[in-house]
Amino acid sequence: MSGDDENERQGKGGGIDPGPEIAAVFDDLETLLKNGDVVGALTVRGINASLALLAADALRAYLAGRKAEAAEDFATVAEEIRGRLAARGEADGGDGPADAGSQGETSRSNGRR
């Protein structure tokens, strides 16, 4: 890494600002989780890509210091997963395809997707 790159990444207090790298990782993850082939593969494994995107958004918000938003999103993800497990009669975190649910419909109290 060049000195110029290092200077551009300086954060508050002289430390390194990981923000740009973190944003790039989450952008890549979002693109991946919106890819039809990936969504299909996850669905077969019982994983709802919309919930995965919401969880990624929650972690992105937390790492950006938006803790209230992160808490709300994480709570929504947890509630959705618990509801899907209860609907299947499972509380052990089973990973069958029935958990996939509707890939495009994740309920969120703040209306974002």
Protein backbone atom coordinates (compact mmCIF):
# COMPACT_ATOMS: atom_id res chain seq x y z
CA MET A 1 0.00 0.00 0.00
CA SER A 2 1.45 3.39 -0.97
CA GLY A 3 1.84 6.28 1.44
CA ASP A 4 -0.87 8.21 -0.41
CA ASP A 5 -3.32 5.34 0.10
CA GLU A 6 -2.37 5.22 3.76
CA ASN A 7 -3.00 8.95 4.19
CA GLU A 8 -6.40 8.66 2.49
CA ARG A 9 -7.41 5.94 4.94
CA GLN A 10 -6.51 7.86 8.10
CA GLY A 11 -9.44 7.98 10.46
CA LYS A 12 -10.21 10.04 13.52
CA GLY A 13 -7.42 10.02 16.06
CA GLY A 14 -4.81 9.09 13.45
CA GLY A 15 -5.98 5.47 13.15
CA ILE A 16 -6.84 3.70 9.95
CA ASP A 17 -10.37 4.22 8.60
CA PRO A 18 -11.62 0.78 7.49
CA GLY A 19 -14.84 2.31 6.15
CA PRO A 20 -14.02 2.12 2.43
CA GLU A 21 -12.89 -1.51 2.62
CA ILE A 22 -15.89 -2.51 4.72
CA ALA A 23 -18.24 -0.74 2.29
CA ALA A 24 -16.63 -2.58 -0.65
CA VAL A 25 -17.06 -5.96 1.07
CA PHE A 26 -20.73 -5.27 1.81
CA ASP A 27 -21.31 -4.00 -1.73
CA ASP A 28 -19.86 -7.27 -3.07
CA LEU A 29 -21.97 -9.31 -0.64
CA GLU A 30 -25.12 -7.42 -1.64
CA THR A 31 -24.41 -8.05 -5.32
CA LEU A 32 -23.83 -11.73 -4.61
CA LEU A 33 -27.03 -12.08 -2.56
CA LYS A 34 -29.03 -10.50 -5.40
CA ASN A 35 -27.62 -12.87 -8.03
CA GLY A 36 -30.34 -15.25 -9.23
CA ASP A 37 -28.08 -18.30 -9.21
CA VAL A 38 -26.94 -17.56 -5.66
CA VAL A 39 -30.52 -16.94 -4.50
CA GLY A 40 -31.52 -20.29 -6.02
CA ALA A 41 -28.65 -22.14 -4.35
CA LEU A 42 -29.44 -20.56 -0.99
CA THR A 43 -33.14 -21.32 -1.35
CA VAL A 44 -32.37 -25.01 -1.90
CA ARG A 45 -30.47 -24.89 1.41
CA GLY A 46 -33.42 -23.25 3.17
CA ILE A 47 -31.84 -19.82 3.38
CA ASN A 48 -33.89 -16.74 2.55
CA ALA A 49 -31.72 -14.33 0.56
CA SER A 50 -33.87 -11.36 1.57
CA LEU A 51 -33.25 -12.09 5.23
CA ALA A 52 -29.55 -12.51 4.52
CA LEU A 53 -29.54 -9.09 2.82
CA LEU A 54 -31.30 -7.54 5.79
CA ALA A 55 -28.79 -9.11 8.18
CA ALA A 56 -25.95 -7.73 6.05
CA ASP A 57 -27.61 -4.29 6.11
CA ALA A 58 -27.87 -4.54 9.89
CA LEU A 59 -24.18 -5.37 10.23
CA ARG A 60 -23.25 -2.59 7.80
CA ALA A 61 -25.27 -0.12 9.90
CA TYR A 62 -23.66 -1.35 13.13
CA LEU A 63 -20.15 -1.02 11.73
CA ALA A 64 -21.01 2.51 10.55
CA GLY A 65 -22.11 3.45 14.07
CA ARG A 66 -25.84 3.48 13.28
CA LYS A 67 -26.63 1.27 16.25
CA ALA A 68 -30.36 1.97 16.57
CA GLU A 69 -30.91 1.07 12.91
CA ALA A 70 -28.75 -2.03 13.33
CA ALA A 71 -30.68 -3.12 16.41
CA GLU A 72 -34.01 -2.73 14.64
CA ASP A 73 -32.81 -4.67 11.58
CA PHE A 74 -31.22 -7.45 13.65
CA ALA A 75 -34.43 -7.73 15.68
CA THR A 76 -36.45 -8.04 12.47
CA VAL A 77 -34.13 -10.76 11.15
CA ALA A 78 -34.33 -12.69 14.42
CA GLU A 79 -38.12 -12.36 14.53
CA GLU A 80 -38.49 -13.55 10.93
CA ILE A 81 -36.21 -16.54 11.46
CA ARG A 82 -37.97 -17.51 14.70
CA GLY A 83 -41.35 -17.22 12.96
CA ARG A 84 -40.24 -19.40 10.08
CA LEU A 85 -38.84 -22.00 12.47
CA ALA A 86 -42.06 -22.00 14.48
CA ALA A 87 -44.11 -22.38 11.32
CA ARG A 88 -42.05 -25.43 10.46
CA GLY A 89 -42.31 -26.76 14.00
CA GLU A 90 -38.58 -26.45 14.52
CA ALA A 91 -36.69 -24.64 17.21
CA ASP A 92 -33.31 -26.24 16.58
CA GLY A 93 -32.28 -24.16 13.55
CA GLY A 94 -32.96 -26.84 10.94
CA ASP A 95 -31.68 -26.04 7.48
CA GLY A 96 -34.23 -27.55 5.15
CA PRO A 97 -35.64 -25.73 2.13
CA ALA A 98 -38.93 -24.91 3.83
CA ASP A 99 -37.23 -22.01 5.64
CA ALA A 100 -36.61 -20.17 2.38
CA GLY A 101 -40.06 -18.61 2.31
CA SER A 102 -40.76 -15.79 -0.09
CA GLN A 103 -37.44 -14.49 -1.38
CA GLY A 104 -38.68 -11.02 -2.17
CA GLU A 105 -40.81 -10.30 0.87
CA THR A 106 -39.03 -9.46 4.09
CA SER A 107 -41.13 -7.50 6.54
CA ARG A 108 -39.41 -4.52 8.06
CA SER A 109 -40.92 -2.06 10.42
CA ASN A 110 -39.02 0.84 8.84
CA GLY A 111 -40.23 -0.04 5.32
CA ARG A 112 -36.77 -0.43 3.74
CA ARG A 113 -35.65 -3.41 1.72
